[in-house]
Every structure is written in C-alpha cells, then in structure tokens.
PDB file of N, CA and C in Angstrom:
ATOM      1  N   MET A   1      81.434-157.941-224.274  1.00  0.00           N
ATOM      2  CA  MET A   1      81.739-156.935-223.279  1.00  0.00           C
ATOM      3  C   MET A   1      83.261-156.904-223.079  1.00  0.00           C
ATOM      4  N   LEU A   2      83.846-155.757-223.165  1.00  0.00           N
ATOM      5  CA  LEU A   2      85.292-155.593-223.025  1.00  0.00           C
ATOM      6  C   LEU A   2      85.579-154.727-221.816  1.00  0.00           C
ATOM      7  N   ARG A   3      86.403-155.226-220.929  1.00  0.00           N
ATOM      8  CA  ARG A   3      86.818-154.468-219.749  1.00  0.00           C
ATOM      9  C   ARG A   3      88.285-154.130-219.912  1.00  0.00           C
ATOM     10  N   ILE A   4      88.647-152.886-219.661  1.00  0.00           N
ATOM     11  CA  ILE A   4      90.031-152.439-219.766  1.00  0.00           C
ATOM     12  C   ILE A   4      90.571-152.188-218.357  1.00  0.00           C
ATOM     13  N   PHE A   5      91.665-152.854-218.036  1.00  0.00           N
ATOM     14  CA  PHE A   5      92.343-152.656-216.761  1.00  0.00           C
ATOM     15  C   PHE A   5      93.570-151.792-217.018  1.00  0.00           C
ATOM     16  N   LYS A   6      93.643-150.646-216.350  1.00  0.00           N
ATOM     17  CA  LYS A   6      94.773-149.737-216.548  1.00  0.00           C
ATOM     18  C   LYS A   6      96.017-150.205-215.817  1.00  0.00           C
ATOM     19  N   THR A   7      95.836-150.900-214.707  1.00  0.00           N
ATOM     20  CA  THR A   7      96.962-151.482-213.976  1.00  0.00           C
ATOM     21  C   THR A   7      96.693-152.963-213.780  1.00  0.00           C
ATOM     22  N   TYR A   8      97.748-153.738-213.750  1.00  0.00           N
ATOM     23  CA  TYR A   8      97.608-155.185-213.612  1.00  0.00           C
ATOM     24  C   TYR A   8      97.620-155.571-212.145  1.00  0.00           C
ATOM     25  N   ARG A   9      96.465-156.013-211.677  1.00  0.00           N
ATOM     26  CA  ARG A   9      96.330-156.560-210.328  1.00  0.00           C
ATOM     27  C   ARG A   9      95.679-157.934-210.472  1.00  0.00           C
ATOM     28  N   PRO A  10      96.445-158.997-210.270  1.00  0.00           N
ATOM     29  CA  PRO A  10      95.937-160.353-210.544  1.00  0.00           C
ATOM     30  C   PRO A  10      94.636-160.693-209.819  1.00  0.00           C
ATOM     31  N   LEU A  11      94.516-160.302-208.559  1.00  0.00           N
ATOM     32  CA  LEU A  11      93.309-160.639-207.802  1.00  0.00           C
ATOM     33  C   LEU A  11      92.090-159.907-208.363  1.00  0.00           C
ATOM     34  N   GLN A  12      92.248-158.658-208.739  1.00  0.00           N
ATOM     35  CA  GLN A  12      91.143-157.887-209.310  1.00  0.00           C
ATOM     36  C   GLN A  12      90.696-158.487-210.643  1.00  0.00           C
ATOM     37  N   VAL A  13      91.651-158.850-211.481  1.00  0.00           N
ATOM     38  CA  VAL A  13      91.329-159.463-212.772  1.00  0.00           C
ATOM     39  C   VAL A  13      90.653-160.812-212.543  1.00  0.00           C
ATOM     40  N   ALA A  14      91.156-161.598-211.595  1.00  0.00           N
ATOM     41  CA  ALA A  14      90.580-162.912-211.312  1.00  0.00           C
ATOM     42  C   ALA A  14      89.137-162.799-210.837  1.00  0.00           C
ATOM     43  N   ARG A  15      88.858-161.849-209.988  1.00  0.00           N
ATOM     44  CA  ARG A  15      87.476-161.655-209.509  1.00  0.00           C
ATOM     45  C   ARG A  15      86.549-161.276-210.653  1.00  0.00           C
ATOM     46  N   TYR A  16      87.026-160.424-211.545  1.00  0.00           N
ATOM     47  CA  TYR A  16      86.212-160.023-212.688  1.00  0.00           C
ATOM     48  C   TYR A  16      85.930-161.215-213.596  1.00  0.00           C
ATOM     49  N   VAL A  17      86.968-161.976-213.927  1.00  0.00           N
ATOM     50  CA  VAL A  17      86.816-163.134-214.819  1.00  0.00           C
ATOM     51  C   VAL A  17      85.881-164.166-214.196  1.00  0.00           C
ATOM     52  N   LYS A  18      86.027-164.402-212.912  1.00  0.00           N
ATOM     53  CA  LYS A  18      85.193-165.402-212.247  1.00  0.00           C
ATOM     54  C   LYS A  18      83.735-164.960-212.173  1.00  0.00           C
ATOM     55  N   SER A  19      83.498-163.674-211.983  1.00  0.00           N
ATOM     56  CA  SER A  19      82.124-163.213-211.825  1.00  0.00           C
ATOM     57  C   SER A  19      81.374-163.096-213.153  1.00  0.00           C
ATOM     58  N   TYR A  20      82.059-162.751-214.235  1.00  0.00           N
ATOM     59  CA  TYR A  20      81.371-162.581-215.516  1.00  0.00           C
ATOM     60  C   TYR A  20      81.416-163.818-216.395  1.00  0.00           C
ATOM     61  N   PHE A  21      82.300-164.771-216.128  1.00  0.00           N
ATOM     62  CA  PHE A  21      82.307-166.095-216.719  1.00  0.00           C
ATOM     63  C   PHE A  21      82.698-166.137-218.192  1.00  0.00           C
ATOM     64  N   ARG A  22      82.321-165.142-219.016  1.00  0.00           N
ATOM     65  CA  ARG A  22      82.655-165.151-220.438  1.00  0.00           C
ATOM     66  C   ARG A  22      82.772-163.709-220.933  1.00  0.00           C
ATOM     67  N   GLY A  23      83.830-163.443-221.721  1.00  0.00           N
ATOM     68  CA  GLY A  23      84.012-162.103-222.258  1.00  0.00           C
ATOM     69  C   GLY A  23      85.446-161.852-222.673  1.00  0.00           C
ATOM     70  N   ARG A  24      85.793-160.564-222.714  1.00  0.00           N
ATOM     71  CA  ARG A  24      87.145-160.169-223.103  1.00  0.00           C
ATOM     72  C   ARG A  24      87.640-159.096-222.157  1.00  0.00           C
ATOM     73  N   ILE A  25      88.958-159.099-221.923  1.00  0.00           N
ATOM     74  CA  ILE A  25      89.589-158.060-221.117  1.00  0.00           C
ATOM     75  C   ILE A  25      90.831-157.576-221.845  1.00  0.00           C
ATOM     76  N   PHE A  26      91.243-156.370-221.490  1.00  0.00           N
ATOM     77  CA  PHE A  26      92.485-155.807-222.012  1.00  0.00           C
ATOM     78  C   PHE A  26      93.229-155.204-220.839  1.00  0.00           C
ATOM     79  N   ILE A  27      94.498-155.584-220.688  1.00  0.00           N
ATOM     80  CA  ILE A  27      95.342-155.037-219.630  1.00  0.00           C
ATOM     81  C   ILE A  27      96.387-154.162-220.302  1.00  0.00           C
ATOM     82  N   VAL A  28      96.405-152.883-219.949  1.00  0.00           N
ATOM     83  CA  VAL A  28      97.323-151.931-220.567  1.00  0.00           C
ATOM     84  C   VAL A  28      98.760-152.371-220.296  1.00  0.00           C
ATOM     85  N   GLY A  29      99.545-152.435-221.350  1.00  0.00           N
ATOM     86  CA  GLY A  29     100.936-152.839-221.240  1.00  0.00           C
ATOM     87  C   GLY A  29     101.174-154.327-221.409  1.00  0.00           C
ATOM     88  N   ILE A  30     100.102-155.118-221.385  1.00  0.00           N
ATOM     89  CA  ILE A  30     100.248-156.570-221.506  1.00  0.00           C
ATOM     90  C   ILE A  30      99.522-157.082-222.749  1.00  0.00           C
ATOM     91  N   GLY A  31      98.260-156.730-222.899  1.00  0.00           N
ATOM     92  CA  GLY A  31      97.527-157.146-224.086  1.00  0.00           C
ATOM     93  C   GLY A  31      96.116-157.602-223.775  1.00  0.00           C
ATOM     94  N   GLY A  32      95.470-158.145-224.789  1.00  0.00           N
ATOM     95  CA  GLY A  32      94.090-158.583-224.669  1.00  0.00           C
ATOM     96  C   GLY A  32      93.980-160.074-224.416  1.00  0.00           C
ATOM     97  N   PHE A  33      92.912-160.444-223.724  1.00  0.00           N
ATOM     98  CA  PHE A  33      92.634-161.839-223.398  1.00  0.00           C
ATOM     99  C   PHE A  33      91.146-162.093-223.558  1.00  0.00           C
ATOM    100  N   GLU A  34      90.808-163.328-223.840  1.00  0.00           N
ATOM    101  CA  GLU A  34      89.421-163.772-223.805  1.00  0.00           C
ATOM    102  C   GLU A  34      89.294-164.754-222.653  1.00  0.00           C
ATOM    103  N   PHE A  35      88.096-164.810-222.074  1.00  0.00           N
ATOM    104  CA  PHE A  35      87.873-165.790-221.021  1.00  0.00           C
ATOM    105  C   PHE A  35      86.540-166.474-221.240  1.00  0.00           C
ATOM    106  N   ASP A  36      86.512-167.738-220.861  1.00  0.00           N
ATOM    107  CA  ASP A  36      85.322-168.556-221.000  1.00  0.00           C
ATOM    108  C   ASP A  36      85.319-169.570-219.865  1.00  0.00           C
ATOM    109  N   SER A  37      84.162-169.882-219.374  1.00  0.00           N
ATOM    110  CA  SER A  37      84.014-170.823-218.252  1.00  0.00           C
ATOM    111  C   SER A  37      84.787-170.360-217.028  1.00  0.00           C
ATOM    112  N   GLY A  38      84.922-169.062-216.859  1.00  0.00           N
ATOM    113  CA  GLY A  38      85.592-168.516-215.692  1.00  0.00           C
ATOM    114  C   GLY A  38      87.095-168.690-215.681  1.00  0.00           C
ATOM    115  N   ARG A  39      87.724-168.928-216.843  1.00  0.00           N
ATOM    116  CA  ARG A  39      89.177-169.085-216.942  1.00  0.00           C
ATOM    117  C   ARG A  39      89.685-168.298-218.134  1.00  0.00           C
ATOM    118  N   LEU A  40      90.868-167.715-217.998  1.00  0.00           N
ATOM    119  CA  LEU A  40      91.487-167.022-219.120  1.00  0.00           C
ATOM    120  C   LEU A  40      91.950-168.037-220.152  1.00  0.00           C
ATOM    121  N   LEU A  41      91.735-167.716-221.415  1.00  0.00           N
ATOM    122  CA  LEU A  41      92.184-168.571-222.508  1.00  0.00           C
ATOM    123  C   LEU A  41      93.525-168.062-223.016  1.00  0.00           C
ATOM    124  N   PRO A  42      94.351-168.933-223.578  1.00  0.00           N
ATOM    125  CA  PRO A  42      95.657-168.501-224.093  1.00  0.00           C
ATOM    126  C   PRO A  42      95.495-167.445-225.190  1.00  0.00           C
ATOM    127  N   PRO A  43      96.335-166.415-225.170  1.00  0.00           N
ATOM    128  CA  PRO A  43      96.252-165.373-226.197  1.00  0.00           C
ATOM    129  C   PRO A  43      96.735-165.892-227.548  1.00  0.00           C
ATOM    130  N   LYS A  44      96.338-165.208-228.594  1.00  0.00           N
ATOM    131  CA  LYS A  44      96.743-165.615-229.936  1.00  0.00           C
ATOM    132  C   LYS A  44      98.248-165.436-230.144  1.00  0.00           C
ATOM    133  N   SER A  45      98.836-164.410-229.549  1.00  0.00           N
ATOM    134  CA  SER A  45     100.281-164.220-229.639  1.00  0.00           C
ATOM    135  C   SER A  45     100.950-164.976-228.487  1.00  0.00           C
ATOM    136  N   ALA A  46     102.048-165.606-228.772  1.00  0.00           N
ATOM    137  CA  ALA A  46     102.750-166.403-227.765  1.00  0.00           C
ATOM    138  C   ALA A  46     103.782-165.556-227.022  1.00  0.00           C
ATOM    139  N   ASP A  47     103.352-164.429-226.512  1.00  0.00           N
ATOM    140  CA  ASP A  47     104.221-163.526-225.763  1.00  0.00           C
ATOM    141  C   ASP A  47     104.443-164.100-224.362  1.00  0.00           C
ATOM    142  N   LEU A  48     105.688-164.158-223.931  1.00  0.00           N
ATOM    143  CA  LEU A  48     106.023-164.746-222.636  1.00  0.00           C
ATOM    144  C   LEU A  48     105.370-163.983-221.486  1.00  0.00           C
ATOM    145  N   LYS A  49     105.335-162.666-221.571  1.00  0.00           N
ATOM    146  CA  LYS A  49     104.719-161.848-220.529  1.00  0.00           C
ATOM    147  C   LYS A  49     103.225-162.153-220.415  1.00  0.00           C
ATOM    148  N   ALA A  50     102.550-162.286-221.560  1.00  0.00           N
ATOM    149  CA  ALA A  50     101.122-162.586-221.565  1.00  0.00           C
ATOM    150  C   ALA A  50     100.852-163.982-221.005  1.00  0.00           C
ATOM    151  N   LEU A  51     101.708-164.930-221.323  1.00  0.00           N
ATOM    152  CA  LEU A  51     101.524-166.280-220.797  1.00  0.00           C
ATOM    153  C   LEU A  51     101.732-166.332-219.284  1.00  0.00           C
ATOM    154  N   ASN A  52     102.675-165.542-218.776  1.00  0.00           N
ATOM    155  CA  ASN A  52     102.875-165.472-217.327  1.00  0.00           C
ATOM    156  C   ASN A  52     101.652-164.873-216.635  1.00  0.00           C
ATOM    157  N   VAL A  53     101.072-163.841-217.246  1.00  0.00           N
ATOM    158  CA  VAL A  53      99.859-163.234-216.696  1.00  0.00           C
ATOM    159  C   VAL A  53      98.723-164.246-216.706  1.00  0.00           C
ATOM    160  N   LEU A  54      98.601-164.986-217.793  1.00  0.00           N
ATOM    161  CA  LEU A  54      97.555-166.002-217.922  1.00  0.00           C
ATOM    162  C   LEU A  54      97.641-167.022-216.788  1.00  0.00           C
ATOM    163  N   THR A  55      98.815-167.561-216.538  1.00  0.00           N
ATOM    164  CA  THR A  55      98.960-168.564-215.487  1.00  0.00           C
ATOM    165  C   THR A  55      98.734-167.970-214.099  1.00  0.00           C
ATOM    166  N   GLU A  56      99.196-166.746-213.897  1.00  0.00           N
ATOM    167  CA  GLU A  56      99.020-166.117-212.588  1.00  0.00           C
ATOM    168  C   GLU A  56      97.548-165.845-212.289  1.00  0.00           C
ATOM    169  N   VAL A  57      96.824-165.329-213.256  1.00  0.00           N
ATOM    170  CA  VAL A  57      95.401-165.028-213.048  1.00  0.00           C
ATOM    171  C   VAL A  57      94.611-166.325-212.877  1.00  0.00           C
ATOM    172  N   ASN A  58      94.879-167.327-213.686  1.00  0.00           N
ATOM    173  CA  ASN A  58      94.164-168.601-213.535  1.00  0.00           C
ATOM    174  C   ASN A  58      94.456-169.249-212.191  1.00  0.00           C
ATOM    175  N   ARG A  59      95.675-169.070-211.680  1.00  0.00           N
ATOM    176  CA  ARG A  59      96.011-169.577-210.350  1.00  0.00           C
ATOM    177  C   ARG A  59      95.206-168.836-209.278  1.00  0.00           C
ATOM    178  N   GLU A  60      95.045-167.530-209.439  1.00  0.00           N
ATOM    179  CA  GLU A  60      94.243-166.748-208.493  1.00  0.00           C
ATOM    180  C   GLU A  60      92.774-167.177-208.544  1.00  0.00           C
ATOM    181  N   ILE A  61      92.264-167.452-209.741  1.00  0.00           N
ATOM    182  CA  ILE A  61      90.885-167.916-209.886  1.00  0.00           C
ATOM    183  C   ILE A  61      90.690-169.242-209.157  1.00  0.00           C
ATOM    184  N   GLN A  62      91.652-170.135-209.311  1.00  0.00           N
ATOM    185  CA  GLN A  62      91.589-171.425-208.640  1.00  0.00           C
ATOM    186  C   GLN A  62      91.628-171.241-207.123  1.00  0.00           C
ATOM    187  N   THR A  63      92.447-170.322-206.649  1.00  0.00           N
ATOM    188  CA  THR A  63      92.510-170.045-205.210  1.00  0.00           C
ATOM    189  C   THR A  63      91.185-169.489-204.708  1.00  0.00           C
ATOM    190  N   LEU A  64      90.562-168.597-205.475  1.00  0.00           N
ATOM    191  CA  LEU A  64      89.263-168.062-205.089  1.00  0.00           C
ATOM    192  C   LEU A  64      88.219-169.156-205.025  1.00  0.00           C
ATOM    193  N   SER A  65      88.271-170.106-205.930  1.00  0.00           N
ATOM    194  CA  SER A  65      87.302-171.192-205.953  1.00  0.00           C
ATOM    195  C   SER A  65      87.440-172.103-204.733  1.00  0.00           C
ATOM    196  N   VAL A  66      88.670-172.310-204.292  1.00  0.00           N
ATOM    197  CA  VAL A  66      88.913-173.184-203.144  1.00  0.00           C
ATOM    198  C   VAL A  66      88.481-172.491-201.850  1.00  0.00           C
ATOM    199  N   VAL A  67      88.760-171.200-201.725  1.00  0.00           N
ATOM    200  CA  VAL A  67      88.451-170.456-200.508  1.00  0.00           C
ATOM    201  C   VAL A  67      86.953-170.346-200.316  1.00  0.00           C
ATOM    202  N   VAL A  68      86.218-170.095-201.366  1.00  0.00           N
ATOM    203  CA  VAL A  68      84.768-169.898-201.281  1.00  0.00           C
ATOM    204  C   VAL A  68      84.093-171.211-201.214  1.00  0.00           C
TER     205      VAL A  68
END
C-alpha cells in the first residue's frame, strides 16, 4: 500500500505510519520511504533532507507513543 502526501506535515505522517505499521509512503518534494514496525526506515539514497525527515517523523512517532 502506497500513500502519497502532497505536503509534508510530520504529525500527519507519524499518525499514518503508527496506525498502519507496515508499508510505503511518498512525500512530494522529499522522496519515498518504507516503514515497518511503526517506524520509518532509512531511505536507499543518503539525501540529507530525507534523513532529516526520517528523524523528525520517528521523533513524532515516539512522542505519540509516550502521550498515549
């Protein structure tokens, strides 16, 4: 299942990743990601922008886990 996000909103992406647990997403302007076990996995390309998005979304997922 592939979800395409037209705008990058870390909290929205984090909620999607946490709720579906495994799959793929694509963020327009940033790139594609895979997620497993409710966490984003590192992208195949070592793009600095993509890595920053990865850490930010995983941080949001961790925050959601603590709050709930």
